[in-house]
Amino acid sequence: EPALSTALSDPVSVLAGDGPVAGRVTSAPFVRFPYPPGSIGASLFQYANSGHVALVGPAGFTDDACLRVSVVTEELRPLDTVTHGPCVETIGRDATVGCIGDTAILLALDIPTGEVALPEGGTGFADAIRLQLVADGAPDYEVLTVRGTIEVDPGSDIVIPRFGGQIGETIMFDTGAGRSGTCNLTGDFPRRP
């Protein structure tokens, strides 16, 4: 379903240093990113009665890329954040990996339904999934990421696809634009509170 897919194609880079962030936003050369913008795609799925995001990319990215995925409100307040890979800074929790291969990975998310109380006060709804390929920009960059966002209008008739399979089974994901990859089901399921 195209509405449930995106490419990580929006580079965001902020130079290290003092002063307002807005004054330090820049365009980093693509060679500073481990994989070029647009080379990793993502799509939402249901697996093991839980929300998951499948990421598909170049061979080896599941082992050597820092991936961060967040369920966010309209104001980009995170409701759940998972991190996978060799990250300089882990934000959120370690991802539960439902499927992994050389070209695809399936990460579990806690996607709340309805209105959620925010820790800082107020309430929000799960409005989008924000995905990031996080690069180590030190010492030149404070932030060096390639991002993508999946937003689904709650009033739409779009249904998130669901699938199942046996542990060890190979699954192929196609996130569109010629991006497809395979992974093997791990048997790791999200823990419920």
Foldseek 3Di string as FASTA:
>chain_A
DLLFKDWLAAKWFFWDDDDDRVVRTDDDPQVQAPDGGRQKMKGWAAEPNFIKIKIFGDFQCQAAWKKKKFQAFPVRDGPAMEIGYDDPDGDGYHWQWFWDDRTMTMTTDHADQDWDADPVGDIGHRFKMKMWGFGPPPPTTPGTIRIDMRGDDPPDPDDHHYDYDDAQDKDKDDRDPPTIDITGGHPGDDDDD
